C-alpha cells in the first residue's frame, strides 16, 4: 500500500512540469523580484518550474526502477 507521503512525492514532478508548461504557454506575468520583463517562453519562472520538476523526479525513477526489476528487465 502506498502512503500519503509517497503519493505527494509522486505528485510534485508532474505538477511543476504542468506549471512550467502553463507559464510558457500563457506567458505568465513576471514578479518584480524575478525579472523586469518577460523573455519569451523560457523566462525565469518557466526555468524555475522545469528545474523544480527535474529535482523532484527521483520518486518516479525509483518507481520505474522497481517495476523494471520486478519484470526481470
N, C-alpha and C. Protein backbone atom coordinates (compact mmCIF):
# COMPACT_ATOMS: atom_id res chain seq x y z
N UNK A 1 0.84 -1.19 0.00
CA UNK A 1 0.00 0.00 0.00
C UNK A 1 0.88 1.24 0.00
N UNK A 2 0.48 2.25 -0.74
CA UNK A 2 1.25 3.47 -0.87
C UNK A 2 0.76 4.50 0.15
N UNK A 3 1.69 5.09 0.87
CA UNK A 3 1.33 6.08 1.89
C UNK A 3 1.04 7.43 1.25
N UNK A 4 0.45 8.32 2.04
CA UNK A 4 0.14 9.66 1.54
C UNK A 4 1.41 10.41 1.16
N UNK A 5 2.49 10.21 1.91
CA UNK A 5 3.75 10.88 1.60
C UNK A 5 4.30 10.42 0.25
N UNK A 6 4.15 9.13 -0.05
CA UNK A 6 4.61 8.64 -1.35
C UNK A 6 3.79 9.24 -2.49
N UNK A 7 2.47 9.34 -2.29
CA UNK A 7 1.62 9.95 -3.31
C UNK A 7 1.99 11.41 -3.52
N UNK A 8 2.25 12.13 -2.44
CA UNK A 8 2.65 13.53 -2.57
C UNK A 8 3.97 13.68 -3.30
N UNK A 9 4.91 12.79 -3.01
CA UNK A 9 6.20 12.88 -3.70
C UNK A 9 6.05 12.58 -5.18
N UNK A 10 5.12 11.70 -5.53
CA UNK A 10 4.87 11.42 -6.94
C UNK A 10 4.13 12.56 -7.63
N UNK A 11 3.40 13.34 -6.88
CA UNK A 11 2.62 14.44 -7.47
C UNK A 11 3.48 15.66 -7.77
N UNK A 12 4.63 15.81 -7.13
CA UNK A 12 5.42 17.04 -7.26
C UNK A 12 5.94 17.26 -8.68
N UNK A 13 6.60 16.28 -9.27
CA UNK A 13 7.22 16.47 -10.58
C UNK A 13 6.20 16.81 -11.67
N UNK A 14 5.10 16.05 -11.80
CA UNK A 14 4.14 16.42 -12.85
C UNK A 14 3.47 17.76 -12.59
N UNK A 15 3.28 18.11 -11.33
CA UNK A 15 2.68 19.40 -11.01
C UNK A 15 3.58 20.54 -11.46
N UNK A 16 4.87 20.46 -11.14
CA UNK A 16 5.80 21.50 -11.55
C UNK A 16 5.98 21.53 -13.06
N UNK A 17 5.96 20.37 -13.72
CA UNK A 17 6.06 20.33 -15.17
C UNK A 17 4.85 21.02 -15.80
N UNK A 18 3.67 20.76 -15.25
CA UNK A 18 2.46 21.43 -15.74
C UNK A 18 2.50 22.92 -15.53
N UNK A 19 3.02 23.34 -14.38
CA UNK A 19 3.14 24.77 -14.11
C UNK A 19 4.11 25.42 -15.09
N UNK A 20 5.20 24.73 -15.41
CA UNK A 20 6.16 25.26 -16.38
C UNK A 20 5.51 25.40 -17.75
N UNK A 21 4.75 24.39 -18.15
CA UNK A 21 4.07 24.43 -19.43
C UNK A 21 3.05 25.57 -19.48
N UNK A 22 2.26 25.71 -18.43
CA UNK A 22 1.27 26.78 -18.39
C UNK A 22 1.92 28.15 -18.40
N UNK A 23 3.02 28.30 -17.69
CA UNK A 23 3.72 29.58 -17.65
C UNK A 23 4.31 29.91 -19.02
N UNK A 24 4.87 28.91 -19.69
CA UNK A 24 5.47 29.14 -21.01
C UNK A 24 4.40 29.48 -22.05
N UNK A 25 3.28 28.77 -22.01
CA UNK A 25 2.22 28.98 -23.00
C UNK A 25 1.47 30.28 -22.75
N UNK A 26 1.14 30.52 -21.49
CA UNK A 26 0.34 31.70 -21.17
C UNK A 26 1.19 32.96 -21.09
N UNK A 27 2.50 32.81 -21.04
CA UNK A 27 3.37 33.98 -20.90
C UNK A 27 3.08 34.71 -19.61
N UNK A 28 3.10 33.95 -18.52
CA UNK A 28 2.74 34.47 -17.21
C UNK A 28 3.39 35.79 -16.88
N UNK A 29 2.72 36.59 -16.09
CA UNK A 29 3.26 37.89 -15.70
C UNK A 29 4.40 37.67 -14.71
N UNK A 30 5.56 38.21 -14.99
CA UNK A 30 6.70 38.01 -14.10
C UNK A 30 6.54 38.82 -12.81
N UNK A 31 7.02 38.26 -11.74
CA UNK A 31 7.05 39.00 -10.47
C UNK A 31 8.15 40.05 -10.55
N UNK A 32 8.00 41.10 -9.78
CA UNK A 32 9.00 42.16 -9.79
C UNK A 32 10.36 41.64 -9.32
N UNK A 33 10.36 40.65 -8.44
CA UNK A 33 11.62 40.13 -7.92
C UNK A 33 12.28 39.15 -8.88
N UNK A 34 11.50 38.55 -9.80
CA UNK A 34 12.06 37.53 -10.69
C UNK A 34 12.69 38.12 -11.94
N UNK A 35 12.01 39.06 -12.58
CA UNK A 35 12.56 39.66 -13.79
C UNK A 35 11.80 40.94 -14.09
N UNK A 36 12.41 41.81 -14.88
CA UNK A 36 11.78 43.09 -15.21
C UNK A 36 10.81 42.96 -16.37
N UNK A 37 11.11 42.08 -17.33
CA UNK A 37 10.24 41.91 -18.49
C UNK A 37 10.29 40.47 -18.94
N UNK A 38 9.20 39.98 -19.51
CA UNK A 38 9.23 38.59 -19.97
C UNK A 38 10.25 38.39 -21.08
N UNK A 39 10.94 37.26 -21.05
CA UNK A 39 11.98 36.97 -22.03
C UNK A 39 11.53 35.87 -22.97
N UNK A 40 10.27 35.80 -23.28
CA UNK A 40 9.75 34.75 -24.15
C UNK A 40 9.28 33.56 -23.34
N UNK A 41 9.09 32.42 -24.00
CA UNK A 41 8.53 31.27 -23.30
C UNK A 41 9.46 30.68 -22.24
N UNK A 42 10.76 30.92 -22.34
CA UNK A 42 11.68 30.39 -21.33
C UNK A 42 12.16 31.50 -20.40
N UNK A 43 11.21 32.18 -19.78
CA UNK A 43 11.58 33.21 -18.82
C UNK A 43 12.00 32.56 -17.50
N UNK A 44 12.32 33.35 -16.53
CA UNK A 44 12.84 32.85 -15.26
C UNK A 44 11.91 31.90 -14.54
N UNK A 45 10.62 32.17 -14.55
CA UNK A 45 9.67 31.32 -13.85
C UNK A 45 9.55 29.96 -14.53
N UNK A 46 9.54 29.93 -15.84
CA UNK A 46 9.45 28.66 -16.56
C UNK A 46 10.66 27.79 -16.26
N UNK A 47 11.83 28.38 -16.29
CA UNK A 47 13.05 27.64 -15.99
C UNK A 47 13.03 27.15 -14.55
N UNK A 48 12.55 27.97 -13.63
CA UNK A 48 12.48 27.56 -12.23
C UNK A 48 11.56 26.34 -12.08
N UNK A 49 10.39 26.37 -12.72
CA UNK A 49 9.47 25.23 -12.63
C UNK A 49 10.06 23.98 -13.28
N UNK A 50 10.77 24.13 -14.38
CA UNK A 50 11.42 22.98 -15.01
C UNK A 50 12.48 22.38 -14.10
N UNK A 51 13.26 23.23 -13.45
CA UNK A 51 14.27 22.74 -12.52
C UNK A 51 13.63 22.05 -11.32
N UNK A 52 12.56 22.63 -10.80
CA UNK A 52 11.87 22.01 -9.66
C UNK A 52 11.32 20.65 -10.06
N UNK A 53 10.79 20.54 -11.27
CA UNK A 53 10.29 19.26 -11.76
C UNK A 53 11.43 18.25 -11.86
N UNK A 54 12.57 18.68 -12.38
CA UNK A 54 13.72 17.78 -12.51
C UNK A 54 14.23 17.32 -11.14
N UNK A 55 14.24 18.21 -10.17
CA UNK A 55 14.72 17.85 -8.83
C UNK A 55 13.76 16.90 -8.12
N UNK A 56 12.49 16.90 -8.51
CA UNK A 56 11.50 16.06 -7.85
C UNK A 56 11.15 14.80 -8.65
N UNK A 57 11.94 14.45 -9.65
CA UNK A 57 11.64 13.29 -10.48
C UNK A 57 12.15 11.98 -9.88
N UNK A 58 12.96 12.03 -8.84
CA UNK A 58 13.55 10.80 -8.29
C UNK A 58 12.52 9.78 -7.80
N UNK A 59 11.38 10.16 -7.20
CA UNK A 59 10.41 9.11 -6.84
C UNK A 59 9.89 8.34 -8.04
N UNK A 60 9.74 9.03 -9.18
CA UNK A 60 9.30 8.34 -10.40
C UNK A 60 10.37 7.39 -10.89
N UNK A 61 11.63 7.80 -10.83
CA UNK A 61 12.72 6.94 -11.28
C UNK A 61 12.82 5.69 -10.40
N UNK A 62 12.67 5.87 -9.09
CA UNK A 62 12.68 4.71 -8.19
C UNK A 62 11.52 3.78 -8.49
N UNK A 63 10.35 4.35 -8.73
CA UNK A 63 9.16 3.55 -9.02
C UNK A 63 9.34 2.76 -10.32
N UNK A 64 9.86 3.41 -11.36
CA UNK A 64 10.08 2.71 -12.63
C UNK A 64 11.20 1.68 -12.48
N UNK A 65 12.19 1.97 -11.67
CA UNK A 65 13.27 1.03 -11.44
C UNK A 65 12.77 -0.24 -10.75
N UNK A 66 11.89 -0.07 -9.77
CA UNK A 66 11.31 -1.24 -9.10
C UNK A 66 10.45 -2.05 -10.04
N UNK A 67 9.65 -1.37 -10.88
CA UNK A 67 8.78 -2.07 -11.82
C UNK A 67 9.61 -2.84 -12.83
N UNK A 68 10.72 -2.27 -13.28
CA UNK A 68 11.59 -2.96 -14.24
C UNK A 68 12.26 -4.18 -13.64
N UNK A 69 12.66 -4.07 -12.37
CA UNK A 69 13.35 -5.21 -11.74
C UNK A 69 12.35 -6.32 -11.40
N UNK A 70 11.09 -5.98 -11.16
CA UNK A 70 10.08 -7.00 -10.87
C UNK A 70 9.72 -7.78 -12.14
N UNK A 71 9.84 -7.13 -13.31
CA UNK A 71 9.56 -7.81 -14.57
C UNK A 71 10.73 -8.67 -15.02
N UNK A 72 11.86 -8.45 -14.38
CA UNK A 72 13.05 -9.21 -14.77
C UNK A 72 13.85 -8.53 -15.85
N UNK A 73 13.61 -7.20 -16.04
CA UNK A 73 14.33 -6.50 -17.10
C UNK A 73 15.31 -5.64 -16.53
